[in-house]
């Protein structure tokens, strides 16, 4: 059982995203749920805890403008990654949390 690190309500989503790693590699993934402090990401790439990355959410019907947020892996249970945001959430991301699915 993992201790809960995130605060704020979690919102279930199913969004295609791109992860940019510090070494310049990128990989596609799916955002499964989000909160103001972190997210659950499904990803084929195995990344260890403490990996820093950038999460890129492309513009879509639900996301009016692309969103980029720095993150750090805090839990890695392949194929899922628990990440915490490294930056304050931009308004477009906060709006995503409050919008109906």
C-alpha atoms as a PDB file:
ATOM      1  CA  UNK A   1       0.000   0.000   0.000  1.00  0.00           C
ATOM      2  CA  UNK A   2       1.414   3.379  -0.993  1.00  0.00           C
ATOM      3  CA  UNK A   3       1.034   6.509   1.038  1.00  0.00           C
ATOM      4  CA  UNK A   4      -0.914   9.228  -0.735  1.00  0.00           C
ATOM      5  CA  UNK A   5       1.355  12.074  -1.797  1.00  0.00           C
ATOM      6  CA  UNK A   6      -1.036  14.073  -3.921  1.00  0.00           C
ATOM      7  CA  UNK A   7      -3.406  16.686  -2.624  1.00  0.00           C
ATOM      8  CA  UNK A   8      -6.502  17.983  -4.300  1.00  0.00           C
ATOM      9  CA  UNK A   9      -9.126  15.882  -6.019  1.00  0.00           C
ATOM     10  CA  UNK A  10      -8.052  13.457  -8.731  1.00  0.00           C
ATOM     11  CA  UNK A  11      -9.763  13.757 -12.083  1.00  0.00           C
ATOM     12  CA  UNK A  12      -9.916  10.724 -14.371  1.00  0.00           C
ATOM     13  CA  UNK A  13      -8.778  11.535 -17.895  1.00  0.00           C
ATOM     14  CA  UNK A  14      -7.630   9.628 -20.955  1.00  0.00           C
ATOM     15  CA  UNK A  15      -5.334  11.943 -22.867  1.00  0.00           C
ATOM     16  CA  UNK A  16      -2.505  11.148 -25.259  1.00  0.00           C
ATOM     17  CA  UNK A  17       0.642  12.921 -24.065  1.00  0.00           C
ATOM     18  CA  UNK A  18       4.336  13.053 -24.846  1.00  0.00           C
ATOM     19  CA  UNK A  19       7.103  12.715 -22.284  1.00  0.00           C
ATOM     20  CA  UNK A  20      10.384  14.512 -22.890  1.00  0.00           C
ATOM     21  CA  UNK A  21      13.299  13.079 -20.934  1.00  0.00           C
ATOM     22  CA  UNK A  22      16.402  14.985 -19.839  1.00  0.00           C
ATOM     23  CA  UNK A  23      18.603  13.141 -22.349  1.00  0.00           C
ATOM     24  CA  UNK A  24      16.456  14.477 -25.192  1.00  0.00           C
ATOM     25  CA  UNK A  25      14.491  11.278 -25.837  1.00  0.00           C
ATOM     26  CA  UNK A  26      10.720  11.473 -26.154  1.00  0.00           C
ATOM     27  CA  UNK A  27       8.060   8.817 -25.748  1.00  0.00           C
ATOM     28  CA  UNK A  28       4.300   8.730 -26.051  1.00  0.00           C
ATOM     29  CA  UNK A  29       2.120   7.913 -23.066  1.00  0.00           C
ATOM     30  CA  UNK A  30      -1.409   8.300 -21.703  1.00  0.00           C
ATOM     31  CA  UNK A  31      -2.476  10.531 -18.869  1.00  0.00           C
ATOM     32  CA  UNK A  32      -4.910   8.477 -16.752  1.00  0.00           C
ATOM     33  CA  UNK A  33      -5.692  10.793 -13.834  1.00  0.00           C
ATOM     34  CA  UNK A  34      -4.507  14.176 -12.647  1.00  0.00           C
ATOM     35  CA  UNK A  35      -4.560  16.463  -9.642  1.00  0.00           C
ATOM     36  CA  UNK A  36      -3.024  19.854  -8.953  1.00  0.00           C
ATOM     37  CA  UNK A  37       0.001  18.121  -7.412  1.00  0.00           C
ATOM     38  CA  UNK A  38       0.589  15.130  -9.703  1.00  0.00           C
ATOM     39  CA  UNK A  39      -0.648  12.539 -12.162  1.00  0.00           C
ATOM     40  CA  UNK A  40      -0.850   8.875 -13.058  1.00  0.00           C
ATOM     41  CA  UNK A  41       0.704   8.142 -16.445  1.00  0.00           C
ATOM     42  CA  UNK A  42       0.594   4.905 -18.436  1.00  0.00           C
ATOM     43  CA  UNK A  43       3.790   4.476 -20.435  1.00  0.00           C
ATOM     44  CA  UNK A  44       5.516   1.590 -22.241  1.00  0.00           C
ATOM     45  CA  UNK A  45       8.914   3.057 -21.327  1.00  0.00           C
ATOM     46  CA  UNK A  46      10.246   1.893 -17.961  1.00  0.00           C
ATOM     47  CA  UNK A  47      11.476   4.897 -15.994  1.00  0.00           C
ATOM     48  CA  UNK A  48      12.944   4.705 -12.500  1.00  0.00           C
ATOM     49  CA  UNK A  49      11.799   6.767  -9.536  1.00  0.00           C
ATOM     50  CA  UNK A  50      13.302  10.263  -9.360  1.00  0.00           C
ATOM     51  CA  UNK A  51      13.508  10.583 -13.163  1.00  0.00           C
ATOM     52  CA  UNK A  52      12.818  14.184 -14.157  1.00  0.00           C
ATOM     53  CA  UNK A  53      10.823  14.813 -17.311  1.00  0.00           C
ATOM     54  CA  UNK A  54       8.525  17.223 -19.088  1.00  0.00           C
ATOM     55  CA  UNK A  55       4.901  16.255 -19.720  1.00  0.00           C
ATOM     56  CA  UNK A  56       3.450  17.724 -22.902  1.00  0.00           C
ATOM     57  CA  UNK A  57      -0.332  17.700 -23.324  1.00  0.00           C
ATOM     58  CA  UNK A  58      -1.200  18.652 -26.905  1.00  0.00           C
ATOM     59  CA  UNK A  59      -4.113  20.923 -27.786  1.00  0.00           C
ATOM     60  CA  UNK A  60      -7.396  19.090 -28.319  1.00  0.00           C
ATOM     61  CA  UNK A  61     -11.139  19.601 -27.940  1.00  0.00           C
ATOM     62  CA  UNK A  62     -10.669  19.365 -24.159  1.00  0.00           C
ATOM     63  CA  UNK A  63      -7.354  21.262 -23.990  1.00  0.00           C
ATOM     64  CA  UNK A  64      -7.543  24.598 -25.870  1.00  0.00           C
ATOM     65  CA  UNK A  65      -3.782  25.207 -25.904  1.00  0.00           C
ATOM     66  CA  UNK A  66      -0.793  22.888 -25.458  1.00  0.00           C
ATOM     67  CA  UNK A  67       0.362  22.459 -21.852  1.00  0.00           C
ATOM     68  CA  UNK A  68       3.925  21.668 -20.761  1.00  0.00           C
ATOM     69  CA  UNK A  69       4.723  20.837 -17.161  1.00  0.00           C
ATOM     70  CA  UNK A  70       7.902  19.714 -15.451  1.00  0.00           C
ATOM     71  CA  UNK A  71       7.527  16.549 -13.377  1.00  0.00           C
ATOM     72  CA  UNK A  72       9.438  13.975 -11.351  1.00  0.00           C
ATOM     73  CA  UNK A  73       8.636  10.263 -11.103  1.00  0.00           C
ATOM     74  CA  UNK A  74       7.773   9.423  -7.496  1.00  0.00           C
ATOM     75  CA  UNK A  75       6.418   5.920  -8.124  1.00  0.00           C
ATOM     76  CA  UNK A  76       7.265   3.498 -10.920  1.00  0.00           C
ATOM     77  CA  UNK A  77       5.154   0.337 -11.262  1.00  0.00           C
ATOM     78  CA  UNK A  78       5.417  -0.562 -14.938  1.00  0.00           C
ATOM     79  CA  UNK A  79       3.466   0.369 -17.014  1.00  0.00           C
ATOM     80  CA  UNK A  80       2.330   3.131 -14.625  1.00  0.00           C
ATOM     81  CA  UNK A  81       4.235   6.158 -13.388  1.00  0.00           C
ATOM     82  CA  UNK A  82       3.154   8.342 -10.518  1.00  0.00           C
ATOM     83  CA  UNK A  83       4.566  11.831 -11.036  1.00  0.00           C
ATOM     84  CA  UNK A  84       4.553  15.030  -9.028  1.00  0.00           C
ATOM     85  CA  UNK A  85       4.560  18.383 -10.768  1.00  0.00           C
ATOM     86  CA  UNK A  86       7.726  20.438 -10.433  1.00  0.00           C
ATOM     87  CA  UNK A  87       6.085  23.735 -11.391  1.00  0.00           C
ATOM     88  CA  UNK A  88       2.890  25.519 -10.470  1.00  0.00           C
ATOM     89  CA  UNK A  89       0.042  24.372 -12.675  1.00  0.00           C
ATOM     90  CA  UNK A  90      -0.810  26.819 -15.473  1.00  0.00           C
ATOM     91  CA  UNK A  91      -4.385  28.121 -15.640  1.00  0.00           C
ATOM     92  CA  UNK A  92      -5.173  25.938 -18.679  1.00  0.00           C
ATOM     93  CA  UNK A  93      -4.273  22.854 -16.622  1.00  0.00           C
ATOM     94  CA  UNK A  94      -6.318  23.968 -13.614  1.00  0.00           C
ATOM     95  CA  UNK A  95      -9.270  24.516 -15.986  1.00  0.00           C
ATOM     96  CA  UNK A  96      -8.840  20.936 -17.239  1.00  0.00           C
ATOM     97  CA  UNK A  97      -9.287  19.711 -13.661  1.00  0.00           C
ATOM     98  CA  UNK A  98     -12.540  21.598 -13.191  1.00  0.00           C
ATOM     99  CA  UNK A  99     -14.077  20.842 -16.602  1.00  0.00           C
ATOM    100  CA  UNK A 100     -16.484  17.907 -16.957  1.00  0.00           C
ATOM    101  CA  UNK A 101     -15.048  14.944 -18.876  1.00  0.00           C
END
